[in-house]
Each structure stands twice: as C-alpha cells, then as structure tokens.
C-alpha cells in the first residue's frame, strides 16, 4: 500500500511539473489517503504484535 502511495505521489509531482494542476491535486489526494491508511494499518499491526507476544 505504501508503494501505491509513492506511485501516486510521483504521478502528482510529474503532473505538476507539466502543468496538469487538476491531475496533480487528485493524485496527491489519493496518495495522502493511501498513506494514512497504511500508517493506521502499520500501527495496528505493531500494537497487535505487542499484545500477542505479551500473552
């Protein structure tokens, strides 16, 4: 999932360089959403692993 966030971020950067503002904003928004979902799932996985090992 982090890979897709980086891909959309790169698409946003390339689109902004070439002047495609609407596409750049959309790609950056998608990248931000994917990164937030990735971060939430990563934290949940770490917490689950810590709880699981303490049992």
PDB file of N, CA and C in Angstrom:
ATOM      1  N   UNK A   1       0.828  -1.181   0.000  1.00  0.00           N
ATOM      2  CA  UNK A   1       0.000   0.000   0.000  1.00  0.00           C
ATOM      3  C   UNK A   1       0.877   1.251   0.000  1.00  0.00           C
ATOM      4  N   UNK A   2       1.982   1.161   0.711  1.00  0.00           N
ATOM      5  CA  UNK A   2       2.897   2.297   0.706  1.00  0.00           C
ATOM      6  C   UNK A   2       3.460   2.511  -0.697  1.00  0.00           C
ATOM      7  N   UNK A   3       3.651   1.435  -1.413  1.00  0.00           N
ATOM      8  CA  UNK A   3       4.148   1.529  -2.792  1.00  0.00           C
ATOM      9  C   UNK A   3       3.188   2.349  -3.648  1.00  0.00           C
ATOM     10  N   UNK A   4       1.890   2.073  -3.533  1.00  0.00           N
ATOM     11  CA  UNK A   4       0.908   2.816  -4.315  1.00  0.00           C
ATOM     12  C   UNK A   4       0.862   4.290  -3.914  1.00  0.00           C
ATOM     13  N   UNK A   5       1.045   4.575  -2.635  1.00  0.00           N
ATOM     14  CA  UNK A   5       1.083   5.968  -2.193  1.00  0.00           C
ATOM     15  C   UNK A   5       2.255   6.698  -2.829  1.00  0.00           C
ATOM     16  N   UNK A   6       3.404   6.046  -2.880  1.00  0.00           N
ATOM     17  CA  UNK A   6       4.576   6.664  -3.504  1.00  0.00           C
ATOM     18  C   UNK A   6       4.360   6.837  -5.002  1.00  0.00           C
ATOM     19  N   UNK A   7       3.744   5.855  -5.648  1.00  0.00           N
ATOM     20  CA  UNK A   7       3.473   5.959  -7.087  1.00  0.00           C
ATOM     21  C   UNK A   7       2.564   7.142  -7.377  1.00  0.00           C
ATOM     22  N   UNK A   8       1.499   7.291  -6.608  1.00  0.00           N
ATOM     23  CA  UNK A   8       0.595   8.427  -6.837  1.00  0.00           C
ATOM     24  C   UNK A   8       1.277   9.754  -6.523  1.00  0.00           C
ATOM     25  N   UNK A   9       2.176   9.764  -5.547  1.00  0.00           N
ATOM     26  CA  UNK A   9       2.920  10.986  -5.237  1.00  0.00           C
ATOM     27  C   UNK A   9       3.829  11.362  -6.398  1.00  0.00           C
ATOM     28  N   UNK A  10       4.488  10.388  -6.981  1.00  0.00           N
ATOM     29  CA  UNK A  10       5.354  10.652  -8.132  1.00  0.00           C
ATOM     30  C   UNK A  10       4.517  11.131  -9.319  1.00  0.00           C
ATOM     31  N   UNK A  11       3.360  10.532  -9.517  1.00  0.00           N
ATOM     32  CA  UNK A  11       2.461  10.991 -10.592  1.00  0.00           C
ATOM     33  C   UNK A  11       2.062  12.438 -10.357  1.00  0.00           C
ATOM     34  N   UNK A  12       1.777  12.780  -9.098  1.00  0.00           N
ATOM     35  CA  UNK A  12       1.406  14.165  -8.776  1.00  0.00           C
ATOM     36  C   UNK A  12       2.557  15.116  -9.058  1.00  0.00           C
ATOM     37  N   UNK A  13       3.770  14.710  -8.716  1.00  0.00           N
ATOM     38  CA  UNK A  13       4.924  15.571  -8.986  1.00  0.00           C
ATOM     39  C   UNK A  13       5.132  15.772 -10.483  1.00  0.00           C
ATOM     40  N   UNK A  14       5.056  14.702 -11.246  1.00  0.00           N
ATOM     41  CA  UNK A  14       5.259  14.808 -12.687  1.00  0.00           C
ATOM     42  C   UNK A  14       4.148  15.637 -13.328  1.00  0.00           C
ATOM     43  N   UNK A  15       2.906  15.433 -12.893  1.00  0.00           N
ATOM     44  CA  UNK A  15       1.792  16.197 -13.452  1.00  0.00           C
ATOM     45  C   UNK A  15       1.918  17.681 -13.131  1.00  0.00           C
ATOM     46  N   UNK A  16       2.403  17.988 -11.923  1.00  0.00           N
ATOM     47  CA  UNK A  16       2.545  19.407 -11.572  1.00  0.00           C
ATOM     48  C   UNK A  16       3.667  20.069 -12.368  1.00  0.00           C
ATOM     49  N   UNK A  17       4.722  19.321 -12.669  1.00  0.00           N
ATOM     50  CA  UNK A  17       5.814  19.882 -13.472  1.00  0.00           C
ATOM     51  C   UNK A  17       5.324  20.227 -14.876  1.00  0.00           C
ATOM     52  N   UNK A  18       4.467  19.371 -15.433  1.00  0.00           N
ATOM     53  CA  UNK A  18       3.974  19.609 -16.775  1.00  0.00           C
ATOM     54  C   UNK A  18       2.740  20.494 -16.822  1.00  0.00           C
ATOM     55  N   UNK A  19       2.270  20.970 -15.667  1.00  0.00           N
ATOM     56  CA  UNK A  19       1.188  21.939 -15.645  1.00  0.00           C
ATOM     57  C   UNK A  19      -0.209  21.366 -15.565  1.00  0.00           C
ATOM     58  N   UNK A  20      -0.341  20.098 -15.265  1.00  0.00           N
ATOM     59  CA  UNK A  20      -1.662  19.494 -15.119  1.00  0.00           C
ATOM     60  C   UNK A  20      -2.089  19.598 -13.661  1.00  0.00           C
ATOM     61  N   UNK A  21      -2.625  20.739 -13.287  1.00  0.00           N
ATOM     62  CA  UNK A  21      -2.949  21.012 -11.888  1.00  0.00           C
ATOM     63  C   UNK A  21      -4.030  20.118 -11.320  1.00  0.00           C
ATOM     64  N   UNK A  22      -5.083  19.874 -12.090  1.00  0.00           N
ATOM     65  CA  UNK A  22      -6.180  19.040 -11.591  1.00  0.00           C
ATOM     66  C   UNK A  22      -5.756  17.616 -11.329  1.00  0.00           C
ATOM     67  N   UNK A  23      -4.985  17.057 -12.241  1.00  0.00           N
ATOM     68  CA  UNK A  23      -4.496  15.690 -12.064  1.00  0.00           C
ATOM     69  C   UNK A  23      -3.529  15.623 -10.890  1.00  0.00           C
ATOM     70  N   UNK A  24      -2.702  16.643 -10.741  1.00  0.00           N
ATOM     71  CA  UNK A  24      -1.730  16.666  -9.650  1.00  0.00           C
ATOM     72  C   UNK A  24      -2.435  16.698  -8.299  1.00  0.00           C
ATOM     73  N   UNK A  25      -3.471  17.503  -8.188  1.00  0.00           N
ATOM     74  CA  UNK A  25      -4.213  17.599  -6.926  1.00  0.00           C
ATOM     75  C   UNK A  25      -4.907  16.282  -6.618  1.00  0.00           C
ATOM     76  N   UNK A  26      -5.506  15.673  -7.629  1.00  0.00           N
ATOM     77  CA  UNK A  26      -6.190  14.392  -7.424  1.00  0.00           C
ATOM     78  C   UNK A  26      -5.213  13.307  -7.018  1.00  0.00           C
ATOM     79  N   UNK A  27      -4.088  13.208  -7.696  1.00  0.00           N
ATOM     80  CA  UNK A  27      -3.093  12.188  -7.375  1.00  0.00           C
ATOM     81  C   UNK A  27      -2.509  12.415  -5.983  1.00  0.00           C
ATOM     82  N   UNK A  28      -2.292  13.659  -5.607  1.00  0.00           N
ATOM     83  CA  UNK A  28      -1.776  13.948  -4.275  1.00  0.00           C
ATOM     84  C   UNK A  28      -2.797  13.582  -3.204  1.00  0.00           C
ATOM     85  N   UNK A  29      -4.063  13.815  -3.477  1.00  0.00           N
ATOM     86  CA  UNK A  29      -5.113  13.434  -2.524  1.00  0.00           C
ATOM     87  C   UNK A  29      -5.192  11.929  -2.341  1.00  0.00           C
ATOM     88  N   UNK A  30      -5.096  11.196  -3.447  1.00  0.00           N
ATOM     89  CA  UNK A  30      -5.124   9.736  -3.367  1.00  0.00           C
ATOM     90  C   UNK A  30      -3.894   9.241  -2.606  1.00  0.00           C
ATOM     91  N   UNK A  31      -2.737   9.820  -2.876  1.00  0.00           N
ATOM     92  CA  UNK A  31      -1.511   9.423  -2.181  1.00  0.00           C
ATOM     93  C   UNK A  31      -1.636   9.679  -0.681  1.00  0.00           C
ATOM     94  N   UNK A  32      -2.228  10.793  -0.314  1.00  0.00           N
ATOM     95  CA  UNK A  32      -2.393  11.121   1.104  1.00  0.00           C
ATOM     96  C   UNK A  32      -3.320  10.114   1.788  1.00  0.00           C
ATOM     97  N   UNK A  33      -4.416   9.768   1.134  1.00  0.00           N
ATOM     98  CA  UNK A  33      -5.358   8.800   1.711  1.00  0.00           C
ATOM     99  C   UNK A  33      -4.693   7.432   1.872  1.00  0.00           C
ATOM    100  N   UNK A  34      -3.981   6.988   0.841  1.00  0.00           N
ATOM    101  CA  UNK A  34      -3.310   5.697   0.920  1.00  0.00           C
ATOM    102  C   UNK A  34      -2.251   5.673   2.010  1.00  0.00           C
ATOM    103  N   UNK A  35      -1.526   6.777   2.175  1.00  0.00           N
ATOM    104  CA  UNK A  35      -0.510   6.834   3.218  1.00  0.00           C
ATOM    105  C   UNK A  35      -1.140   6.783   4.607  1.00  0.00           C
ATOM    106  N   UNK A  36      -2.245   7.469   4.804  1.00  0.00           N
ATOM    107  CA  UNK A  36      -2.923   7.449   6.109  1.00  0.00           C
ATOM    108  C   UNK A  36      -3.430   6.045   6.420  1.00  0.00           C
ATOM    109  N   UNK A  37      -4.016   5.384   5.423  1.00  0.00           N
ATOM    110  CA  UNK A  37      -4.489   4.009   5.634  1.00  0.00           C
ATOM    111  C   UNK A  37      -3.312   3.098   5.965  1.00  0.00           C
ATOM    112  N   UNK A  38      -2.194   3.264   5.240  1.00  0.00           N
ATOM    113  CA  UNK A  38      -1.002   2.472   5.516  1.00  0.00           C
ATOM    114  C   UNK A  38      -0.510   2.712   6.941  1.00  0.00           C
ATOM    115  N   UNK A  39      -0.449   3.965   7.362  1.00  0.00           N
ATOM    116  CA  UNK A  39       0.042   4.281   8.702  1.00  0.00           C
ATOM    117  C   UNK A  39      -0.859   3.680   9.780  1.00  0.00           C
ATOM    118  N   UNK A  40      -2.161   3.759   9.598  1.00  0.00           N
ATOM    119  CA  UNK A  40      -3.098   3.183  10.569  1.00  0.00           C
ATOM    120  C   UNK A  40      -2.928   1.675  10.647  1.00  0.00           C
ATOM    121  N   UNK A  41      -2.825   1.016   9.496  1.00  0.00           N
ATOM    122  CA  UNK A  41      -2.645  -0.434   9.495  1.00  0.00           C
ATOM    123  C   UNK A  41      -1.299  -0.841  10.079  1.00  0.00           C
ATOM    124  N   UNK A  42      -0.258  -0.061   9.843  1.00  0.00           N
ATOM    125  CA  UNK A  42       1.058  -0.362  10.400  1.00  0.00           C
ATOM    126  C   UNK A  42       1.042  -0.253  11.926  1.00  0.00           C
ATOM    127  N   UNK A  43       0.430   0.797  12.444  1.00  0.00           N
ATOM    128  CA  UNK A  43       0.340   0.963  13.901  1.00  0.00           C
ATOM    129  C   UNK A  43      -0.505  -0.153  14.505  1.00  0.00           C
ATOM    130  N   UNK A  44      -1.603  -0.497  13.856  1.00  0.00           N
ATOM    131  CA  UNK A  44      -2.451  -1.580  14.357  1.00  0.00           C
ATOM    132  C   UNK A  44      -1.691  -2.901  14.372  1.00  0.00           C
ATOM    133  N   UNK A  45      -0.884  -3.151  13.363  1.00  0.00           N
ATOM    134  CA  UNK A  45      -0.096  -4.383  13.318  1.00  0.00           C
ATOM    135  C   UNK A  45       0.940  -4.429  14.432  1.00  0.00           C
ATOM    136  N   UNK A  46       1.586  -3.319  14.691  1.00  0.00           N
ATOM    137  CA  UNK A  46       2.588  -3.275  15.763  1.00  0.00           C
ATOM    138  C   UNK A  46       1.923  -3.479  17.118  1.00  0.00           C
ATOM    139  N   UNK A  47       0.809  -2.820  17.347  1.00  0.00           N
ATOM    140  CA  UNK A  47       0.101  -2.972  18.617  1.00  0.00           C
ATOM    141  C   UNK A  47      -0.379  -4.407  18.782  1.00  0.00           C
ATOM    142  N   UNK A  48      -0.906  -5.001  17.719  1.00  0.00           N
ATOM    143  CA  UNK A  48      -1.374  -6.380  17.784  1.00  0.00           C
ATOM    144  C   UNK A  48      -0.216  -7.337  18.087  1.00  0.00           C
ATOM    145  N   UNK A  49       0.921  -7.111  17.456  1.00  0.00           N
ATOM    146  CA  UNK A  49       2.087  -7.961  17.709  1.00  0.00           C
ATOM    147  C   UNK A  49       2.574  -7.830  19.135  1.00  0.00           C
ATOM    148  N   UNK A  50       2.561  -6.627  19.687  1.00  0.00           N
ATOM    149  CA  UNK A  50       2.994  -6.424  21.070  1.00  0.00           C
ATOM    150  C   UNK A  50       2.044  -7.083  22.045  1.00  0.00           C
ATOM    151  N   UNK A  51       0.758  -6.996  21.787  1.00  0.00           N
ATOM    152  CA  UNK A  51      -0.228  -7.617  22.664  1.00  0.00           C
ATOM    153  C   UNK A  51      -0.134  -9.144  22.555  1.00  0.00           C
ATOM    154  N   UNK A  52       0.068  -9.626  21.350  1.00  0.00           N
ATOM    155  CA  UNK A  52       0.137 -11.073  21.115  1.00  0.00           C
ATOM    156  C   UNK A  52       1.355 -11.689  21.812  1.00  0.00           C
ATOM    157  N   UNK A  53       2.497 -10.994  21.810  1.00  0.00           N
ATOM    158  CA  UNK A  53       3.716 -11.541  22.423  1.00  0.00           C
ATOM    159  C   UNK A  53       3.660 -11.475  23.945  1.00  0.00           C
ATOM    160  N   UNK A  54       2.843 -10.602  24.502  1.00  0.00           N
ATOM    161  CA  UNK A  54       2.761 -10.481  25.962  1.00  0.00           C
ATOM    162  C   UNK A  54       1.796 -11.477  26.575  1.00  0.00           C
ATOM    163  N   UNK A  55       1.093 -12.231  25.780  1.00  0.00           N
ATOM    164  CA  UNK A  55       0.129 -13.200  26.323  1.00  0.00           C
ATOM    165  C   UNK A  55       0.803 -14.449  26.789  1.00  0.00           C
TER     166      UNK A  55
END
